[in-house]
Amino acid sequence: YSTTEIEKIDKKIQNDIDKYVDPAAVEIIKELKESVKLWLSASIIIGDNRFDNEEQEQFEKSFGKAKLEKLKVFISNPNAKMNVAKKLEVSIQNLSQEMPSRIDDEMESLEKEVRANFK
C-alpha cells in the first residue's frame, strides 16, 4: 500500500473507533496529541535558536495567538531548551499511557505533521 492509502485506511479505522469508544477518552487523546504537537513544534523552533516571523505565523495558525504569546515568553527563558525537552518528554509519556500499543505509529505521524509545518 502507498502512504496515502495507509493514511486513508487509518482515518477510516480511527473514525470507527471514535464511534464506539467513550467520547471523553477520544477527547483526552486528542488533547494529548495536541500537546505533543505543540512541544514538538517548540522543540524544532528552539532548535535553530530563532523564532522568525514565518515560524510564528505557522505556530499561531496551528495553536492560536494566545499559545503563541505564551511560547514567546516561555522560550525567552535561559533554560528554554531543557524546559521544552522536559515538556515534550512528559507530553509523550502522557500520550503513551493512553495509547501504549499505538504510540510509535502516532509519534511518527505527529512528527511528520509538525516537520511539514516547520521546515
N, C-alpha and C. Protein backbone atom coordinates (compact mmCIF):
# COMPACT_ATOMS: atom_id res chain seq x y z
N TYR A 1 0.84 -1.20 0.00
CA TYR A 1 0.00 0.00 0.00
C TYR A 1 0.87 1.25 0.00
N SER A 2 0.36 2.30 -0.62
CA SER A 2 1.09 3.57 -0.61
C SER A 2 0.82 4.29 0.70
N THR A 3 1.62 5.29 1.00
CA THR A 3 1.45 6.06 2.23
C THR A 3 0.06 6.69 2.27
N THR A 4 -0.39 7.22 1.15
CA THR A 4 -1.71 7.86 1.08
C THR A 4 -2.82 6.85 1.38
N GLU A 5 -2.70 5.66 0.80
CA GLU A 5 -3.71 4.62 1.04
C GLU A 5 -3.72 4.20 2.51
N ILE A 6 -2.56 4.07 3.09
CA ILE A 6 -2.46 3.69 4.50
C ILE A 6 -3.09 4.77 5.38
N GLU A 7 -2.82 6.03 5.07
CA GLU A 7 -3.40 7.13 5.85
C GLU A 7 -4.92 7.13 5.74
N LYS A 8 -5.47 6.85 4.55
CA LYS A 8 -6.92 6.79 4.37
C LYS A 8 -7.51 5.65 5.20
N ILE A 9 -6.86 4.50 5.16
CA ILE A 9 -7.32 3.35 5.94
C ILE A 9 -7.26 3.68 7.43
N ASP A 10 -6.16 4.30 7.86
CA ASP A 10 -6.01 4.69 9.27
C ASP A 10 -7.15 5.62 9.69
N LYS A 11 -7.49 6.57 8.84
CA LYS A 11 -8.57 7.52 9.17
C LYS A 11 -9.91 6.80 9.29
N LYS A 12 -10.17 5.85 8.39
CA LYS A 12 -11.42 5.10 8.46
C LYS A 12 -11.48 4.28 9.75
N ILE A 13 -10.38 3.65 10.09
CA ILE A 13 -10.32 2.87 11.33
C ILE A 13 -10.53 3.80 12.52
N GLN A 14 -9.86 4.95 12.51
CA GLN A 14 -9.99 5.90 13.61
C GLN A 14 -11.43 6.38 13.74
N ASN A 15 -12.10 6.64 12.62
CA ASN A 15 -13.50 7.07 12.66
C ASN A 15 -14.38 6.00 13.29
N ASP A 16 -14.14 4.73 12.95
CA ASP A 16 -14.90 3.63 13.55
C ASP A 16 -14.62 3.54 15.05
N ILE A 17 -13.37 3.68 15.42
CA ILE A 17 -13.01 3.65 16.84
C ILE A 17 -13.71 4.78 17.58
N ASP A 18 -13.69 5.97 16.99
CA ASP A 18 -14.31 7.13 17.62
C ASP A 18 -15.80 6.92 17.88
N LYS A 19 -16.47 6.17 17.00
CA LYS A 19 -17.90 5.91 17.17
C LYS A 19 -18.18 5.04 18.39
N TYR A 20 -17.27 4.10 18.66
CA TYR A 20 -17.54 3.09 19.67
C TYR A 20 -16.78 3.27 20.98
N VAL A 21 -15.82 4.17 20.99
CA VAL A 21 -15.04 4.40 22.20
C VAL A 21 -15.65 5.59 22.94
N ASP A 22 -15.50 5.60 24.21
CA ASP A 22 -16.00 6.68 25.05
C ASP A 22 -15.56 8.03 24.50
N PRO A 23 -16.51 8.91 24.17
CA PRO A 23 -16.15 10.23 23.62
C PRO A 23 -15.20 11.03 24.51
N ALA A 24 -15.31 10.87 25.81
CA ALA A 24 -14.40 11.58 26.72
C ALA A 24 -12.97 11.10 26.52
N ALA A 25 -12.80 9.80 26.35
CA ALA A 25 -11.46 9.24 26.12
C ALA A 25 -10.90 9.75 24.79
N VAL A 26 -11.75 9.83 23.79
CA VAL A 26 -11.32 10.34 22.49
C VAL A 26 -10.85 11.79 22.63
N GLU A 27 -11.58 12.58 23.40
CA GLU A 27 -11.21 13.99 23.60
C GLU A 27 -9.89 14.10 24.37
N ILE A 28 -9.68 13.26 25.35
CA ILE A 28 -8.43 13.27 26.11
C ILE A 28 -7.26 12.95 25.18
N ILE A 29 -7.41 11.94 24.35
CA ILE A 29 -6.34 11.57 23.42
C ILE A 29 -6.07 12.71 22.44
N LYS A 30 -7.13 13.34 21.98
CA LYS A 30 -6.97 14.48 21.06
C LYS A 30 -6.17 15.60 21.72
N GLU A 31 -6.49 15.91 22.97
CA GLU A 31 -5.76 16.96 23.71
C GLU A 31 -4.30 16.56 23.93
N LEU A 32 -4.06 15.30 24.23
CA LEU A 32 -2.69 14.83 24.44
C LEU A 32 -1.87 14.90 23.15
N LYS A 33 -2.50 14.56 22.04
CA LYS A 33 -1.81 14.67 20.74
C LYS A 33 -1.48 16.13 20.45
N GLU A 34 -2.41 17.01 20.76
CA GLU A 34 -2.20 18.44 20.53
C GLU A 34 -1.03 18.94 21.37
N SER A 35 -0.93 18.45 22.60
CA SER A 35 0.18 18.82 23.47
C SER A 35 1.51 18.34 22.89
N VAL A 36 1.54 17.11 22.41
CA VAL A 36 2.76 16.59 21.79
C VAL A 36 3.14 17.44 20.58
N LYS A 37 2.16 17.77 19.75
CA LYS A 37 2.44 18.59 18.56
C LYS A 37 2.98 19.96 18.97
N LEU A 38 2.40 20.55 20.00
CA LEU A 38 2.86 21.86 20.46
C LEU A 38 4.32 21.79 20.89
N TRP A 39 4.67 20.81 21.70
CA TRP A 39 6.04 20.73 22.22
C TRP A 39 7.03 20.24 21.15
N LEU A 40 6.56 19.43 20.21
CA LEU A 40 7.42 19.09 19.07
C LEU A 40 7.72 20.35 18.26
N SER A 41 6.70 21.15 18.05
CA SER A 41 6.88 22.42 17.32
C SER A 41 7.86 23.32 18.05
N ALA A 42 7.66 23.45 19.36
CA ALA A 42 8.56 24.29 20.16
C ALA A 42 9.99 23.78 20.10
N SER A 43 10.14 22.46 20.10
CA SER A 43 11.48 21.86 20.03
C SER A 43 12.17 22.20 18.71
N ILE A 44 11.43 22.13 17.62
CA ILE A 44 12.00 22.49 16.32
C ILE A 44 12.34 23.98 16.28
N ILE A 45 11.42 24.79 16.77
CA ILE A 45 11.62 26.25 16.78
C ILE A 45 12.86 26.63 17.56
N ILE A 46 12.99 26.06 18.74
CA ILE A 46 14.11 26.43 19.61
C ILE A 46 15.41 25.80 19.13
N GLY A 47 15.30 24.74 18.33
CA GLY A 47 16.49 24.04 17.84
C GLY A 47 17.37 24.88 16.95
N ASP A 48 16.77 25.83 16.22
CA ASP A 48 17.59 26.67 15.33
C ASP A 48 17.90 28.03 15.96
N ASN A 49 17.57 28.17 17.24
CA ASN A 49 17.89 29.38 18.02
C ASN A 49 17.28 30.66 17.46
N ARG A 50 16.19 30.54 16.71
CA ARG A 50 15.48 31.73 16.27
C ARG A 50 14.02 31.38 16.05
N PHE A 51 13.18 32.36 16.26
CA PHE A 51 11.74 32.19 16.11
C PHE A 51 11.28 33.26 15.14
N ASP A 52 11.55 33.03 13.86
CA ASP A 52 11.29 34.06 12.85
C ASP A 52 9.79 34.23 12.58
N ASN A 53 9.46 35.25 11.80
CA ASN A 53 8.06 35.58 11.54
C ASN A 53 7.30 34.43 10.89
N GLU A 54 7.95 33.73 9.99
CA GLU A 54 7.30 32.60 9.32
C GLU A 54 6.93 31.51 10.33
N GLU A 55 7.86 31.20 11.23
CA GLU A 55 7.59 30.19 12.26
C GLU A 55 6.49 30.67 13.20
N GLN A 56 6.51 31.94 13.55
CA GLN A 56 5.48 32.49 14.43
C GLN A 56 4.10 32.40 13.77
N GLU A 57 4.03 32.73 12.49
CA GLU A 57 2.75 32.65 11.78
C GLU A 57 2.25 31.21 11.74
N GLN A 58 3.14 30.28 11.46
CA GLN A 58 2.74 28.87 11.41
C GLN A 58 2.30 28.38 12.78
N PHE A 59 3.03 28.77 13.82
CA PHE A 59 2.67 28.35 15.17
C PHE A 59 1.30 28.91 15.53
N GLU A 60 1.08 30.19 15.23
CA GLU A 60 -0.22 30.81 15.53
C GLU A 60 -1.34 30.12 14.77
N LYS A 61 -1.10 29.79 13.51
CA LYS A 61 -2.10 29.09 12.70
C LYS A 61 -2.44 27.73 13.31
N SER A 62 -1.44 27.06 13.84
CA SER A 62 -1.65 25.73 14.41
C SER A 62 -2.25 25.75 15.81
N PHE A 63 -1.84 26.72 16.63
CA PHE A 63 -2.19 26.68 18.05
C PHE A 63 -2.90 27.92 18.59
N GLY A 64 -2.99 28.97 17.79
CA GLY A 64 -3.68 30.19 18.22
C GLY A 64 -2.73 31.24 18.78
N LYS A 65 -3.24 32.46 18.81
CA LYS A 65 -2.44 33.61 19.23
C LYS A 65 -2.04 33.53 20.71
N ALA A 66 -2.96 33.10 21.56
CA ALA A 66 -2.67 33.03 23.00
C ALA A 66 -1.49 32.10 23.27
N LYS A 67 -1.48 30.94 22.63
CA LYS A 67 -0.37 30.00 22.86
C LYS A 67 0.92 30.51 22.24
N LEU A 68 0.81 31.25 21.13
CA LEU A 68 1.99 31.86 20.53
C LEU A 68 2.63 32.82 21.53
N GLU A 69 1.82 33.68 22.14
CA GLU A 69 2.35 34.65 23.10
C GLU A 69 2.97 33.95 24.30
N LYS A 70 2.33 32.90 24.78
CA LYS A 70 2.88 32.14 25.91
C LYS A 70 4.20 31.48 25.54
N LEU A 71 4.28 30.96 24.31
CA LEU A 71 5.51 30.31 23.88
C LEU A 71 6.65 31.32 23.78
N LYS A 72 6.36 32.51 23.29
CA LYS A 72 7.39 33.55 23.20
C LYS A 72 8.01 33.82 24.57
N VAL A 73 7.16 33.93 25.58
CA VAL A 73 7.66 34.16 26.94
C VAL A 73 8.43 32.92 27.42
N PHE A 74 7.87 31.75 27.18
CA PHE A 74 8.48 30.50 27.64
C PHE A 74 9.87 30.31 27.06
N ILE A 75 10.04 30.58 25.77
CA ILE A 75 11.35 30.32 25.16
C ILE A 75 12.35 31.46 25.38
N SER A 76 11.89 32.55 25.98
CA SER A 76 12.84 33.62 26.30
C SER A 76 13.65 33.28 27.56
N ASN A 77 13.23 32.26 28.27
CA ASN A 77 13.92 31.80 29.47
C ASN A 77 15.27 31.20 29.08
N PRO A 78 16.32 31.47 29.86
CA PRO A 78 17.65 30.91 29.54
C PRO A 78 17.68 29.37 29.50
N ASN A 79 16.79 28.72 30.22
CA ASN A 79 16.75 27.25 30.24
C ASN A 79 15.70 26.70 29.29
N ALA A 80 15.35 27.47 28.28
CA ALA A 80 14.24 27.11 27.40
C ALA A 80 14.42 25.74 26.73
N LYS A 81 15.60 25.46 26.21
CA LYS A 81 15.81 24.17 25.52
C LYS A 81 15.54 22.99 26.44
N MET A 82 16.09 23.07 27.64
CA MET A 82 15.90 22.00 28.61
C MET A 82 14.42 21.89 29.01
N ASN A 83 13.77 23.04 29.23
CA ASN A 83 12.37 23.04 29.64
C ASN A 83 11.46 22.49 28.54
N VAL A 84 11.74 22.86 27.30
CA VAL A 84 10.95 22.34 26.17
C VAL A 84 11.14 20.84 26.07
N ALA A 85 12.36 20.37 26.21
CA ALA A 85 12.64 18.93 26.14
C ALA A 85 11.87 18.18 27.23
N LYS A 86 11.83 18.74 28.44
CA LYS A 86 11.10 18.11 29.54
C LYS A 86 9.60 18.07 29.25
N LYS A 87 9.07 19.20 28.76
CA LYS A 87 7.63 19.27 28.45
C LYS A 87 7.28 18.26 27.35
N LEU A 88 8.14 18.15 26.35
CA LEU A 88 7.91 17.20 25.27
C LEU A 88 7.93 15.77 25.81
N GLU A 89 8.91 15.47 26.63
CA GLU A 89 9.01 14.13 27.21
C GLU A 89 7.76 13.78 28.02
N VAL A 90 7.30 14.71 28.83
CA VAL A 90 6.10 14.47 29.65
C VAL A 90 4.87 14.28 28.76
N SER A 91 4.75 15.12 27.73
CA SER A 91 3.57 15.01 26.86
C SER A 91 3.57 13.67 26.10
N ILE A 92 4.75 13.21 25.70
CA ILE A 92 4.84 11.90 25.02
C ILE A 92 4.49 10.78 26.00
N GLN A 93 4.99 10.87 27.23
CA GLN A 93 4.66 9.85 28.24
C GLN A 93 3.16 9.80 28.51
N ASN A 94 2.54 10.98 28.61
CA ASN A 94 1.09 11.03 28.86
C ASN A 94 0.31 10.39 27.71
N LEU A 95 0.70 10.70 26.49
CA LEU A 95 0.04 10.10 25.33
C LEU A 95 0.27 8.59 25.30
N SER A 96 1.47 8.18 25.62
CA SER A 96 1.82 6.76 25.64
C SER A 96 0.98 5.98 26.65
N GLN A 97 0.67 6.60 27.77
CA GLN A 97 -0.15 5.94 28.78
C GLN A 97 -1.58 5.70 28.28
N GLU A 98 -2.07 6.60 27.44
CA GLU A 98 -3.43 6.47 26.92
C GLU A 98 -3.52 5.52 25.73
N MET A 99 -2.43 5.38 24.99
CA MET A 99 -2.46 4.52 23.80
C MET A 99 -1.12 3.80 23.62
N PRO A 100 -0.76 2.94 24.59
CA PRO A 100 0.57 2.32 24.57
C PRO A 100 0.85 1.47 23.34
N SER A 101 -0.14 0.80 22.81
CA SER A 101 0.12 -0.09 21.67
C SER A 101 0.30 0.67 20.36
N ARG A 102 -0.11 1.94 20.33
CA ARG A 102 -0.04 2.71 19.08
C ARG A 102 0.91 3.90 19.16
N ILE A 103 1.64 4.03 20.25
CA ILE A 103 2.43 5.24 20.45
C ILE A 103 3.48 5.45 19.35
N ASP A 104 4.13 4.39 18.91
CA ASP A 104 5.17 4.55 17.89
C ASP A 104 4.59 5.09 16.58
N ASP A 105 3.48 4.51 16.16
CA ASP A 105 2.83 4.99 14.93
C ASP A 105 2.32 6.42 15.09
N GLU A 106 1.75 6.70 16.25
CA GLU A 106 1.24 8.06 16.49
C GLU A 106 2.37 9.07 16.48
N MET A 107 3.46 8.74 17.14
CA MET A 107 4.60 9.67 17.18
C MET A 107 5.15 9.91 15.78
N GLU A 108 5.24 8.86 15.00
CA GLU A 108 5.73 9.02 13.63
C GLU A 108 4.82 9.96 12.84
N SER A 109 3.53 9.78 13.00
CA SER A 109 2.56 10.62 12.30
C SER A 109 2.62 12.07 12.79
N LEU A 110 2.69 12.26 14.10
CA LEU A 110 2.75 13.61 14.66
C LEU A 110 4.03 14.33 14.25
N GLU A 111 5.15 13.61 14.30
CA GLU A 111 6.43 14.22 13.91
C GLU A 111 6.41 14.62 12.44
N LYS A 112 5.85 13.77 11.61
CA LYS A 112 5.75 14.06 10.18
C LYS A 112 4.92 15.33 9.95
N GLU A 113 3.80 15.41 10.64
CA GLU A 113 2.91 16.57 10.51
C GLU A 113 3.60 17.86 10.95
N VAL A 114 4.26 17.81 12.10
CA VAL A 114 4.92 19.00 12.64
C VAL A 114 6.09 19.42 11.75
N ARG A 115 6.88 18.46 11.32
CA ARG A 115 8.03 18.80 10.46
C ARG A 115 7.59 19.41 9.13
N ALA A 116 6.43 18.99 8.64
CA ALA A 116 5.91 19.58 7.40
C ALA A 116 5.55 21.05 7.61
N ASN A 117 5.14 21.39 8.83
CA ASN A 117 4.78 22.78 9.14
C ASN A 117 5.99 23.66 9.40
N PHE A 118 7.03 23.09 9.99
CA PHE A 118 8.22 23.86 10.37
C PHE A 118 9.44 23.30 9.65
N LYS A 119 9.64 23.73 8.43
CA LYS A 119 10.75 23.22 7.61
C LYS A 119 12.02 23.97 7.88
